[in-house]
Structures are given as C-alpha cells and as structure tokens.
Amino acid sequence: MPQVLVVDDDATTRLLVGRRLERSGFGVQTASTAADALAAVQNGFRGVIVLDLMLPDRDGRELLPELRDLQPDNPVVILTSHGTADAALDSLSEGAFDFLDKATLAERLLPTVRSAAETLRADGVDADGNSDYGFKGIIARSPEMRAVRRSLENALESRVPVMIRGESGTGKELIARAVHDNGPRRGGPFVAVNCAAIPENLLEAELFGYERGAFTGAVGRKQGRFELAQGGTLMLDEIGELHPHLQAKLLRVLQNGEYQRLGGTQTLIADVRIISATHRVLETEVEAGRFREDLYYRMAVFTVQLPPLRERTGDLPLLIRYFLTAAAEREGKKLVGVDPLARELLESYSYPGNVRELQNVIAYAAVSARGSVVAMSDLPVSFLRAVSMERRKAGQNHANMVVDSSESSAKTASMAPVQHESVLFPTLARVEQQHVQRALERAGGNKAAAARLLGISRMTLYRKLEAIDDLS
C-alpha cells in the first residue's frame, strides 16, 4: 500500500486530505509541524509527502530541501492556500514533485499524489523501503535526475524529436537508449550515429545509404542508418557538428518523412523516432550561422538538459556501486565494496569528465584491487593527483576569501576612531558569517546554489544561517 505523509498545521485540512487519500487506497500519516515531519522521515517514512508551505515552526520552502536531503526517494507535493508563481517556481526548482493550490485540491489532489506514487514505484521502492535501479537504463536517485526522468516519461509515447543536451560524458546516449527501451518502439532497432566521428563526405552515405555506382567504390546497394532504424529509433549524436549541406537534407526528412539513397530515384519513407544529442549551445551556433534555425526548431521540440555529475552528487554512491558490480563481474572478481578513505575521495571529486570519468576510475580500481574491497591505493594515480590538486585549489580559494574578509574588516577598523579588538581581528565565526553571506549574494539568494558554492549540504547551510542569526 503506497504511503502518504500529510504535513499541515490545520487539523481540518489534515482530516479531509487524509480521508480522501485513505478512501483511494493510500496509507496516511499526518504531522502538524516541520519538526514532526522531519522526525517521521528520520524514523523511516518512505512515500509521498504532501507539505503545506505555512507551518507554525518553519517555512515549508526551507523544510523541503531538508526532507529531500534526508530521503531523496520521497516525492514532495507542495500544498498551499497562498499560491503564487514565485512560490511554485522556488518549490519546483528545489525538487518538489508538484505544487497544489488548496483552491484546486478537489480536482488535482488524487491525480497528483497517484503520479508521485508511480514515480516512487518506478524507482523500485517497496513498502519496506527496499529499492532497485528503477526506470530501465537510468541509474539515479538525485532530484536533478528525477526531473530528467519525469520529462522523459512525458515524451515516451510521442513521436516528436527529442534533443538531449549536456556536457561530454553525462550519458546522453544512455538516456536516448532509455527513451527507446521504455517507449512503444522498444521492439524495433536502436541505431546511433556520431555525426562528429564520420567524415563529411561519408556521412551522407551513412545516413541515407546509396545505390550501386553512386560514387567510386560503390559496388553494391547499401542501406543507410535511416533504413536500418526503420520502425525504431535513430540517435544523431553531436548533431551540432552536422555540415550545412546535410542539415538541409535532414530538414527535408523531418518535414516530409521522405528521403532517397545516394544515386537512387526511389523515395523512401522514414518511420523512425529521431533523438539528437549535443554538448554545444545550439542557440549560439544558430546566431553564428553554423546551424540552420529552421532545423534547430524542428529538432528541439522536446529538449532535455542533463546535469553534470558535480550537480547530482546524490547519485554518486549508487553509480559507484553499480559500476563496481559491473566491473567485478567483467573481471571475474569478488568485490564487495569500497573502503571509507577511497569512498570519501570518490564522493568528493567534481569529475569534469562526468559519469564516463567515474566509470573509468572504477574500472581501473576493479582491475587493481588486491582484496575484496577497493582501497585508496587501488585508485588511478592520475585520479589521486586530480583530487589532490582540486583540494589544494579549494583550500587556496578559501584562504584568499578569508584574507580578503580580514583585510576588509581591518581597513574598516582603521578608518574608525576607536574599534573593539574583535572588529580589528574578526573571530572565526565572524569570518564564516561573511563567507556564507558572500556565497548567498553570488548565488542571488538561492540557498541551494549557495550550498553548492560552499561545498556543503543545504541542511548544513540552514544550520549555519541559524547560527549567524544567533551571532547577530
């Protein structure tokens, strides 16, 4: 039975919402304060959380990231009688599943909670809190990747082109395969072509095929990728590298669904789902005249942005376990885990090469491991050096900020007639206060972004802000 935690200080709302959910087959728990809600999750609650924004002891928007940090699997539905676009935007950007105004509760409560419960089941979380990897092909638990998966679920049944954007190594082809494997075309072929890896003069023949005698060396008919993907999915990787001549031909296929083999006269129908991928900012390419604007709007009907691994650190433990299990099986080894020191390094690094870099590090460690547990000495030397360099750089930046803050305080003190010693030489707490406030200013007041800048969790940031209020 799916579980729901209703968090609202109004007893009537708790009663009405709870009864309606119970009649629809949900198990319901209730809480009237933020403290009670946190306690419920800390004590093992797994399910959908319906959270009121106006609580007596905390603002629901502040509570939301704490609930997400405690248990990322629990989808949170925000409930309020004071709904505004800004409040909804803040909540959704912090990882809320949906935002409900109490004025529309009668129509939207059940469909929304059911959808949230479905995502929980899709993640493989059962009534006992056990979980598996869920949505076929996507190994993730973080709010950032949950948002990606929800977007993909909306596009599965459609035939519109999908564009996947993200840095190199973020797993764009894996996401494209997930769209294919979870959609109605999963029984057909999945064909991928890297537009940057095939020379321009050969790419047209690869995409559309050719007839015998179409050019020197064409000794027979060859099917192109469009033909091979018939009834399935064609992924055009690095679409931003496509030559303008081929952009025009691709546009015709998207517009009419028709193409011809090189050297042929027969018109073929392309019954394929097009998924493209790029690490480039195509809007810039369009402005520079390197990518056709009409083709861009045809291909970017449904766009998904993949976050880099450094912005989805909640997925690191899951990915490490998955890659280690796969590598151990491939190498015929019995590896049961990673020791604490090695895990601390693996989970603290920013991975500029994204998921691909992490996978390579784990593969190396699996080969090098001398026991059943991966140790720090099993990790690649290049990785250890990169982690060390990143930590030294972070330490230097922090030290420079502290010096800047101290010099600024000292300068202010020297300009004043008389100042207390604590102003001439600020306390460590005061320096930390200034550093946190600078991070908030740089992040435009966005606490989640400020926490990332500081390298701490949002929960830790909230505790520091409370300490700053006490200090003030």
Protein backbone atom coordinates (compact mmCIF):
# COMPACT_ATOMS: atom_id res chain seq x y z
CA MET A 1 0.00 0.00 0.00
CA PRO A 2 1.54 3.36 -1.00
CA GLN A 3 2.12 5.68 1.95
CA VAL A 4 1.44 9.42 2.23
CA LEU A 5 2.59 11.83 4.94
CA VAL A 6 0.27 14.87 5.16
CA VAL A 7 2.04 17.83 6.80
CA ASP A 8 -0.30 20.73 7.64
CA ASP A 9 -0.95 22.73 10.81
CA ASP A 10 -4.68 22.93 10.01
CA ALA A 11 -6.49 19.94 11.55
CA THR A 12 -9.40 20.19 9.12
CA THR A 13 -7.11 20.04 6.10
CA ARG A 14 -5.25 17.06 7.54
CA LEU A 15 -8.55 15.28 8.16
CA LEU A 16 -10.09 15.98 4.74
CA VAL A 17 -6.94 15.23 2.75
CA GLY A 18 -6.22 12.14 4.82
CA ARG A 19 -9.73 10.70 4.43
CA ARG A 20 -9.76 11.26 0.68
CA LEU A 21 -6.42 9.56 0.26
CA GLU A 22 -7.38 6.64 2.51
CA ARG A 23 -10.58 6.07 0.51
CA SER A 24 -8.40 5.84 -2.60
CA GLY A 25 -6.17 3.13 -1.12
CA PHE A 26 -3.32 5.11 0.41
CA GLY A 27 -1.91 4.60 3.89
CA VAL A 28 -1.87 8.01 5.60
CA GLN A 29 0.27 9.51 8.35
CA THR A 30 -0.06 13.12 9.48
CA ALA A 31 2.14 15.80 11.03
CA SER A 32 1.25 19.31 12.18
CA THR A 33 4.76 20.81 12.38
CA ALA A 34 8.04 20.78 10.49
CA ALA A 35 9.69 19.07 13.45
CA ASP A 36 7.15 16.23 13.34
CA ALA A 37 7.64 15.82 9.58
CA LEU A 38 11.42 15.62 9.94
CA ALA A 39 11.05 13.10 12.75
CA ALA A 40 8.77 10.92 10.61
CA VAL A 41 11.30 10.80 7.75
CA GLN A 42 14.20 10.25 10.14
CA ASN A 43 12.27 7.33 11.62
CA GLY A 44 12.00 5.68 8.23
CA PHE A 45 8.92 7.07 6.44
CA ARG A 46 9.01 6.15 2.73
CA GLY A 47 6.31 7.52 0.48
CA VAL A 48 4.74 10.70 -0.85
CA ILE A 49 4.89 13.83 1.32
CA VAL A 50 2.10 16.42 0.99
CA LEU A 51 3.67 19.51 2.54
CA ASP A 52 1.97 22.78 3.48
CA LEU A 53 4.14 25.87 2.95
CA MET A 54 2.83 27.73 6.02
CA LEU A 55 3.83 25.78 9.13
CA PRO A 56 3.99 27.19 12.67
CA ASP A 57 7.67 26.40 13.27
CA ARG A 58 9.21 26.58 9.77
CA ASP A 59 8.57 27.82 6.26
CA GLY A 60 7.79 24.82 4.05
CA ARG A 61 10.22 26.07 1.41
CA GLU A 62 13.04 25.83 3.95
CA LEU A 63 11.86 22.41 5.09
CA LEU A 64 11.67 20.97 1.56
CA PRO A 65 15.44 20.65 0.91
CA GLU A 66 15.94 19.10 4.35
CA LEU A 67 13.33 16.46 3.61
CA ARG A 68 14.97 15.85 0.22
CA ASP A 69 18.42 15.51 1.80
CA LEU A 70 17.14 13.05 4.40
CA GLN A 71 15.37 10.83 1.84
CA PRO A 72 15.70 11.79 -1.84
CA ASP A 73 13.35 8.95 -2.84
CA ASN A 74 10.30 10.61 -1.24
CA PRO A 75 8.45 12.81 -3.77
CA VAL A 76 7.19 16.02 -2.13
CA VAL A 77 3.93 17.68 -3.23
CA ILE A 78 3.65 21.28 -2.00
CA LEU A 79 0.24 22.37 -0.70
CA THR A 80 -0.73 26.00 -0.02
CA SER A 81 -3.67 28.37 0.10
CA HIS A 82 -1.39 31.28 -0.87
CA GLY A 83 -0.15 30.04 -4.21
CA THR A 84 1.98 32.39 -6.31
CA ALA A 85 4.11 31.82 -9.38
CA ASP A 86 7.26 32.66 -7.39
CA ALA A 87 6.40 30.21 -4.61
CA ALA A 88 5.71 27.47 -7.15
CA LEU A 89 8.94 28.23 -9.03
CA ASP A 90 11.00 28.15 -5.82
CA SER A 91 9.45 24.86 -4.74
CA LEU A 92 9.82 23.11 -8.09
CA SER A 93 13.41 24.32 -8.51
CA GLU A 94 14.20 22.83 -5.07
CA GLY A 95 12.99 19.42 -6.21
CA ALA A 96 9.27 19.37 -5.35
CA PHE A 97 7.25 16.93 -7.44
CA ASP A 98 4.33 19.32 -7.90
CA PHE A 99 2.67 22.41 -6.42
CA LEU A 100 -1.03 22.40 -5.45
CA ASP A 101 -3.19 25.36 -4.53
CA LYS A 102 -5.87 24.42 -2.00
CA ALA A 103 -8.44 26.08 -4.24
CA THR A 104 -7.91 23.29 -6.83
CA LEU A 105 -7.45 20.49 -4.31
CA ALA A 106 -10.67 18.65 -5.17
CA GLU A 107 -9.61 18.19 -8.81
CA ARG A 108 -5.86 17.79 -8.51
CA LEU A 109 -5.07 16.04 -5.22
CA LEU A 110 -5.63 12.41 -6.22
CA PRO A 111 -4.12 12.58 -9.75
CA THR A 112 -1.04 14.36 -8.39
CA VAL A 113 -0.46 12.01 -5.45
CA ARG A 114 -1.03 8.98 -7.69
CA SER A 115 1.55 10.29 -10.17
CA ALA A 116 4.02 10.90 -7.34
CA ALA A 117 3.42 7.38 -6.03
CA GLU A 118 4.02 5.99 -9.52
CA THR A 119 7.46 7.61 -9.65
CA LEU A 120 8.19 6.08 -6.26
CA ARG A 121 7.25 2.63 -7.56
CA ALA A 122 9.21 3.27 -10.76
CA ASP A 123 12.27 3.75 -8.57
CA GLY A 124 11.64 0.28 -7.18
CA VAL A 125 10.96 1.46 -3.60
CA ASP A 126 8.68 -1.02 -1.88
CA ALA A 127 6.71 -0.79 1.35
CA ASP A 128 9.80 -1.86 3.33
CA GLY A 129 11.97 0.83 1.82
CA ASN A 130 13.96 -1.55 -0.39
CA SER A 131 14.95 -0.18 -3.77
CA ASP A 132 16.47 -1.12 -7.09
CA TYR A 133 17.61 0.87 -10.11
CA GLY A 134 14.10 1.55 -11.39
CA PHE A 135 13.44 3.27 -14.75
CA LYS A 136 15.16 0.99 -17.22
CA GLY A 137 18.51 2.38 -18.30
CA ILE A 138 18.69 5.34 -15.88
CA ILE A 139 20.65 4.78 -12.68
CA ALA A 140 19.81 7.76 -10.49
CA ARG A 141 18.21 8.90 -7.27
CA SER A 142 19.04 12.64 -7.21
CA PRO A 143 16.29 15.29 -7.56
CA GLU A 144 18.07 16.61 -10.65
CA MET A 145 17.86 13.27 -12.45
CA ARG A 146 14.33 12.65 -11.17
CA ALA A 147 13.33 15.81 -13.01
CA VAL A 148 15.03 14.49 -16.15
CA ARG A 149 13.21 11.18 -15.85
CA ARG A 150 9.84 12.86 -15.36
CA SER A 151 10.44 14.86 -18.53
CA LEU A 152 11.36 11.74 -20.45
CA GLU A 153 8.25 9.92 -19.25
CA ASN A 154 6.15 12.69 -20.78
CA ALA A 155 7.80 12.16 -24.16
CA LEU A 156 7.81 8.35 -24.32
CA GLU A 157 4.53 7.89 -26.19
CA SER A 158 5.07 10.83 -28.54
CA ARG A 159 6.78 10.80 -31.93
CA VAL A 160 8.22 14.31 -31.63
CA PRO A 161 12.00 14.64 -31.95
CA VAL A 162 13.85 14.71 -28.63
CA MET A 163 17.04 16.72 -28.12
CA ILE A 164 19.35 15.73 -25.25
CA ARG A 165 21.81 18.39 -24.17
CA GLY A 166 24.66 18.20 -21.70
CA GLU A 167 28.41 18.16 -21.22
CA SER A 168 30.52 15.36 -22.67
CA GLY A 169 30.35 12.24 -20.55
CA THR A 170 26.96 12.93 -18.96
CA GLY A 171 25.38 9.88 -20.61
CA LYS A 172 23.40 11.32 -23.50
CA GLU A 173 23.41 8.07 -25.50
CA LEU A 174 22.34 6.12 -22.40
CA ILE A 175 19.39 8.49 -21.98
CA ALA A 176 18.49 8.09 -25.66
CA ARG A 177 18.52 4.30 -25.24
CA ALA A 178 16.31 4.66 -22.17
CA VAL A 179 13.74 6.63 -24.21
CA HIS A 180 13.80 3.86 -26.82
CA ASP A 181 13.74 0.94 -24.35
CA ASN A 182 10.90 2.38 -22.29
CA GLY A 183 8.77 3.58 -25.22
CA PRO A 184 6.45 1.93 -27.74
CA ARG A 185 9.30 1.43 -30.26
CA ARG A 186 11.36 -0.78 -27.95
CA GLY A 187 10.62 -3.76 -30.22
CA GLY A 188 12.36 -2.00 -33.12
CA PRO A 189 16.04 -1.28 -33.67
CA PHE A 190 18.04 1.42 -31.89
CA VAL A 191 20.64 2.89 -34.26
CA ALA A 192 23.15 5.53 -33.19
CA VAL A 193 25.47 7.56 -35.38
CA ASN A 194 28.09 10.06 -34.20
CA CYS A 195 27.96 12.98 -36.62
CA ALA A 196 31.39 14.18 -35.45
CA ALA A 197 33.15 10.83 -35.92
CA ILE A 198 32.35 10.25 -39.62
CA PRO A 199 33.99 12.41 -42.32
CA GLU A 200 31.60 14.82 -44.00
CA ASN A 201 31.92 13.18 -47.44
CA LEU A 202 30.92 9.78 -45.98
CA LEU A 203 28.25 10.86 -43.51
CA GLU A 204 25.56 11.43 -46.16
CA ALA A 205 26.01 7.88 -47.45
CA GLU A 206 25.96 6.55 -43.87
CA LEU A 207 22.70 8.31 -43.09
CA PHE A 208 20.77 7.75 -46.31
CA GLY A 209 22.52 4.77 -47.93
CA TYR A 210 23.50 4.53 -51.59
CA GLU A 211 22.88 2.62 -54.81
CA ARG A 212 25.44 0.72 -56.82
CA GLY A 213 27.57 3.11 -58.87
CA ALA A 214 26.56 6.19 -56.87
CA PHE A 215 30.25 7.02 -56.49
CA THR A 216 33.63 5.38 -56.98
CA GLY A 217 33.78 2.29 -54.83
CA ALA A 218 30.01 1.85 -54.53
CA VAL A 219 29.96 -1.72 -55.85
CA GLY A 220 26.52 -2.52 -54.45
CA ARG A 221 23.49 -1.12 -52.71
CA LYS A 222 23.93 -0.21 -49.04
CA GLN A 223 21.25 0.63 -46.52
CA GLY A 224 21.70 3.85 -44.56
CA ARG A 225 21.10 4.45 -40.86
CA PHE A 226 17.58 5.74 -41.54
CA GLU A 227 16.72 2.48 -43.28
CA LEU A 228 18.38 0.35 -40.58
CA ALA A 229 16.41 2.18 -37.88
CA GLN A 230 13.04 1.68 -39.62
CA GLY A 231 10.32 1.11 -37.02
CA GLY A 232 12.68 2.09 -34.22
CA THR A 233 14.86 4.97 -33.07
CA LEU A 234 17.69 6.84 -34.77
CA MET A 235 20.04 8.76 -32.50
CA LEU A 236 22.06 11.55 -34.11
CA ASP A 237 24.87 12.21 -31.64
CA GLU A 238 26.76 15.51 -31.77
CA ILE A 239 24.17 16.98 -34.11
CA GLY A 240 25.87 20.37 -33.79
CA GLU A 241 28.74 19.07 -35.95
CA LEU A 242 26.48 18.34 -38.95
CA HIS A 243 27.55 20.08 -42.19
CA PRO A 244 25.07 22.70 -43.57
CA HIS A 245 24.53 20.61 -46.72
CA LEU A 246 23.39 17.65 -44.62
CA GLN A 247 21.37 19.92 -42.35
CA ALA A 248 19.20 20.80 -45.36
CA LYS A 249 18.70 17.12 -46.25
CA LEU A 250 17.87 16.21 -42.66
CA LEU A 251 15.35 19.05 -42.51
CA ARG A 252 13.52 17.58 -45.50
CA VAL A 253 13.28 14.19 -43.78
CA LEU A 254 11.87 15.82 -40.66
CA GLN A 255 9.37 17.86 -42.65
CA ASN A 256 8.14 15.19 -45.12
CA GLY A 257 9.40 11.91 -43.72
CA GLU A 258 10.94 11.18 -47.14
CA TYR A 259 14.48 10.63 -48.45
CA GLN A 260 16.40 8.92 -51.24
CA ARG A 261 19.54 6.84 -51.28
CA LEU A 262 22.56 8.45 -52.93
CA GLY A 263 22.36 7.74 -56.64
CA GLY A 264 18.79 6.47 -56.35
CA THR A 265 15.42 7.66 -57.58
CA GLN A 266 13.14 5.71 -55.26
CA THR A 267 11.55 7.77 -52.49
CA LEU A 268 11.74 6.02 -49.13
CA ILE A 269 9.60 6.74 -46.07
CA ALA A 270 11.44 7.22 -42.78
CA ASP A 271 9.41 5.61 -39.99
CA VAL A 272 11.87 6.45 -37.21
CA ARG A 273 11.90 8.32 -33.91
CA ILE A 274 14.66 10.94 -34.06
CA ILE A 275 16.69 11.64 -30.91
CA SER A 276 19.57 14.09 -31.19
CA ALA A 277 22.30 14.97 -28.73
CA THR A 278 24.80 17.78 -28.42
CA HIS A 279 27.22 19.37 -25.97
CA ARG A 280 27.15 22.62 -27.93
CA VAL A 281 24.96 25.64 -27.21
CA LEU A 282 22.97 25.45 -30.44
CA GLU A 283 21.40 28.87 -29.96
CA THR A 284 24.91 30.31 -30.31
CA GLU A 285 25.53 28.14 -33.37
CA VAL A 286 22.30 29.44 -34.93
CA GLU A 287 23.27 33.05 -34.26
CA ALA A 288 26.69 32.43 -35.83
CA GLY A 289 25.08 30.90 -38.93
CA ARG A 290 26.63 27.47 -38.40
CA PHE A 291 23.34 25.71 -37.65
CA ARG A 292 20.07 26.20 -39.50
CA GLU A 293 17.43 27.92 -37.39
CA ASP A 294 14.57 26.00 -39.01
CA LEU A 295 16.30 22.67 -38.34
CA TYR A 296 17.00 23.68 -34.74
CA TYR A 297 13.32 24.35 -34.06
CA ARG A 298 12.36 21.09 -35.75
CA MET A 299 14.76 19.04 -33.64
CA ALA A 300 14.39 20.85 -30.33
CA VAL A 301 10.64 20.29 -29.99
CA PHE A 302 11.27 18.42 -26.72
CA THR A 303 14.57 19.24 -25.04
CA VAL A 304 16.12 17.56 -22.00
CA GLN A 305 19.12 19.07 -20.22
CA LEU A 306 21.36 16.55 -18.45
CA PRO A 307 23.09 17.93 -15.35
CA PRO A 308 26.82 17.32 -14.96
CA LEU A 309 27.82 14.81 -12.29
CA ARG A 310 29.05 17.58 -9.97
CA GLU A 311 25.44 18.84 -9.75
CA ARG A 312 23.95 15.42 -8.98
CA THR A 313 26.29 14.22 -6.23
CA GLY A 314 23.41 12.34 -4.60
CA ASP A 315 23.81 9.75 -7.37
CA LEU A 316 27.49 9.06 -6.65
CA PRO A 317 27.01 6.20 -4.13
CA LEU A 318 24.55 4.49 -6.46
CA LEU A 319 26.78 4.88 -9.51
CA ILE A 320 29.88 3.71 -7.65
CA ARG A 321 28.08 0.57 -6.51
CA TYR A 322 26.64 -0.09 -9.98
CA PHE A 323 29.93 0.40 -11.84
CA LEU A 324 31.85 -1.65 -9.26
CA THR A 325 29.41 -4.55 -9.53
CA ALA A 326 29.60 -4.48 -13.34
CA ALA A 327 33.41 -4.24 -13.36
CA ALA A 328 33.80 -7.04 -10.83
CA GLU A 329 31.58 -9.31 -12.91
CA ARG A 330 33.51 -8.44 -16.06
CA GLU A 331 36.86 -9.12 -14.39
CA GLY A 332 35.69 -12.25 -12.58
CA LYS A 333 36.43 -10.78 -9.15
CA LYS A 334 34.51 -10.81 -5.88
CA LEU A 335 34.45 -7.15 -4.88
CA VAL A 336 32.05 -6.30 -2.07
CA GLY A 337 32.62 -2.56 -1.74
CA VAL A 338 34.92 0.42 -1.26
CA ASP A 339 36.78 1.26 1.94
CA PRO A 340 35.93 4.55 3.75
CA LEU A 341 39.02 6.52 2.60
CA ALA A 342 38.60 5.56 -1.04
CA ARG A 343 34.86 6.26 -0.87
CA GLU A 344 35.50 9.70 0.64
CA LEU A 345 37.76 10.58 -2.31
CA LEU A 346 35.36 9.16 -4.89
CA GLU A 347 32.40 11.08 -3.48
CA SER A 348 34.23 14.40 -3.03
CA TYR A 349 35.65 14.90 -6.53
CA SER A 350 33.94 17.12 -9.13
CA TYR A 351 34.50 14.80 -12.15
CA PRO A 352 35.00 17.20 -15.07
CA GLY A 353 34.67 14.12 -17.32
CA ASN A 354 31.31 13.35 -15.69
CA VAL A 355 29.86 9.82 -15.47
CA ARG A 356 32.28 8.48 -18.08
CA GLU A 357 35.24 9.57 -15.95
CA LEU A 358 33.78 7.95 -12.82
CA GLN A 359 33.15 4.72 -14.74
CA ASN A 360 36.76 4.64 -15.95
CA VAL A 361 38.11 5.26 -12.43
CA ILE A 362 36.02 2.40 -11.02
CA ALA A 363 37.02 0.08 -13.88
CA TYR A 364 40.71 0.76 -13.15
CA ALA A 365 40.18 0.22 -9.43
CA ALA A 366 38.40 -3.10 -10.05
CA VAL A 367 41.37 -4.36 -12.07
CA SER A 368 43.91 -3.11 -9.50
CA ALA A 369 42.10 -4.27 -6.35
CA ARG A 370 44.08 -6.92 -4.46
CA GLY A 371 41.37 -7.78 -1.97
CA SER A 372 37.60 -7.88 -1.81
CA VAL A 373 37.38 -4.15 -1.03
CA VAL A 374 38.69 -1.30 -3.20
CA ALA A 375 41.30 0.70 -1.28
CA MET A 376 42.64 4.18 -1.93
CA SER A 377 45.86 2.67 -3.33
CA ASP A 378 43.78 0.87 -5.98
CA LEU A 379 42.57 4.14 -7.49
CA PRO A 380 44.40 5.57 -10.55
CA VAL A 381 47.36 7.81 -9.73
CA SER A 382 46.03 10.40 -12.19
CA PHE A 383 42.74 10.46 -10.25
CA LEU A 384 44.55 10.86 -6.89
CA ARG A 385 46.58 13.74 -8.31
CA ALA A 386 43.45 15.41 -9.71
CA VAL A 387 41.68 15.12 -6.33
CA SER A 388 44.73 16.49 -4.53
CA MET A 389 45.01 19.42 -6.94
CA GLU A 390 41.31 20.20 -6.64
CA ARG A 391 41.51 20.18 -2.84
CA ARG A 392 44.59 22.42 -2.77
CA LYS A 393 42.88 24.85 -5.12
CA ALA A 394 39.74 24.87 -2.98
CA GLY A 395 41.86 25.47 0.12
CA GLN A 396 43.69 28.36 -1.53
CA ASN A 397 40.45 29.96 -2.67
CA HIS A 398 39.03 29.65 0.83
CA ALA A 399 42.20 31.11 2.34
CA ASN A 400 42.10 34.03 -0.11
CA MET A 401 38.49 34.74 0.80
CA VAL A 402 39.34 34.68 4.49
CA VAL A 403 42.28 37.06 3.90
CA ASP A 404 40.06 39.38 1.85
CA SER A 405 37.45 39.39 4.59
CA SER A 406 40.08 40.04 7.27
CA GLU A 407 41.73 42.85 5.30
CA SER A 408 38.34 44.42 4.63
CA SER A 409 37.49 44.31 8.33
CA ALA A 410 40.87 45.69 9.29
CA LYS A 411 40.57 48.52 6.75
CA THR A 412 37.15 49.43 8.11
CA ALA A 413 38.52 49.36 11.62
CA SER A 414 41.49 51.60 10.74
CA MET A 415 39.13 54.24 9.34
CA ALA A 416 37.07 54.39 12.51
CA PRO A 417 38.18 56.49 15.52
CA VAL A 418 38.07 53.60 18.01
CA GLN A 419 37.12 49.99 17.47
CA HIS A 420 36.85 46.93 19.67
CA GLU A 421 39.57 44.27 19.32
CA SER A 422 37.06 41.79 17.83
CA VAL A 423 36.50 44.13 14.89
CA LEU A 424 40.24 44.70 14.29
CA PHE A 425 40.75 40.91 14.26
CA PRO A 426 37.46 39.15 13.43
CA THR A 427 36.60 35.88 15.09
CA LEU A 428 36.43 32.68 13.08
CA ALA A 429 32.63 32.71 13.45
CA ARG A 430 32.51 36.24 12.02
CA VAL A 431 34.73 35.26 9.06
CA GLU A 432 32.48 32.27 8.35
CA GLN A 433 29.42 34.53 8.55
CA GLN A 434 30.90 36.87 5.94
CA HIS A 435 31.88 33.94 3.72
CA VAL A 436 28.38 32.45 3.83
CA GLN A 437 26.80 35.83 3.12
CA ARG A 438 29.09 36.31 0.10
CA ALA A 439 28.07 32.92 -1.24
CA LEU A 440 24.40 33.85 -0.86
CA GLU A 441 24.99 37.14 -2.66
CA ARG A 442 26.83 35.41 -5.51
CA ALA A 443 24.02 32.85 -5.80
CA GLY A 444 21.41 35.61 -5.95
CA GLY A 445 19.82 34.44 -2.72
CA ASN A 446 19.33 30.85 -3.97
CA LYS A 447 20.24 28.71 -0.97
CA ALA A 448 20.69 25.51 -2.96
CA ALA A 449 23.19 27.24 -5.28
CA ALA A 450 24.95 28.87 -2.31
CA ALA A 451 25.32 25.47 -0.64
CA ARG A 452 26.95 24.11 -3.81
CA LEU A 453 29.36 27.06 -3.89
CA LEU A 454 30.32 26.40 -0.28
CA GLY A 455 30.63 22.66 -0.83
CA ILE A 456 28.12 21.80 1.90
CA SER A 457 24.62 20.34 2.02
CA ARG A 458 21.58 22.60 2.15
CA MET A 459 20.82 21.27 5.64
CA THR A 460 24.28 22.36 6.83
CA LEU A 461 23.76 25.77 5.23
CA TYR A 462 20.45 26.21 7.09
CA ARG A 463 22.18 25.37 10.38
CA LYS A 464 24.90 27.91 9.66
CA LEU A 465 22.30 30.56 8.82
CA GLU A 466 20.56 29.87 12.13
CA ALA A 467 23.93 30.25 13.88
CA ILE A 468 24.51 33.54 12.04
CA ASP A 469 21.14 34.82 13.25
CA ASP A 470 22.17 33.96 16.82
CA LEU A 471 25.52 35.68 16.26
CA SER A 472 23.82 38.81 15.01
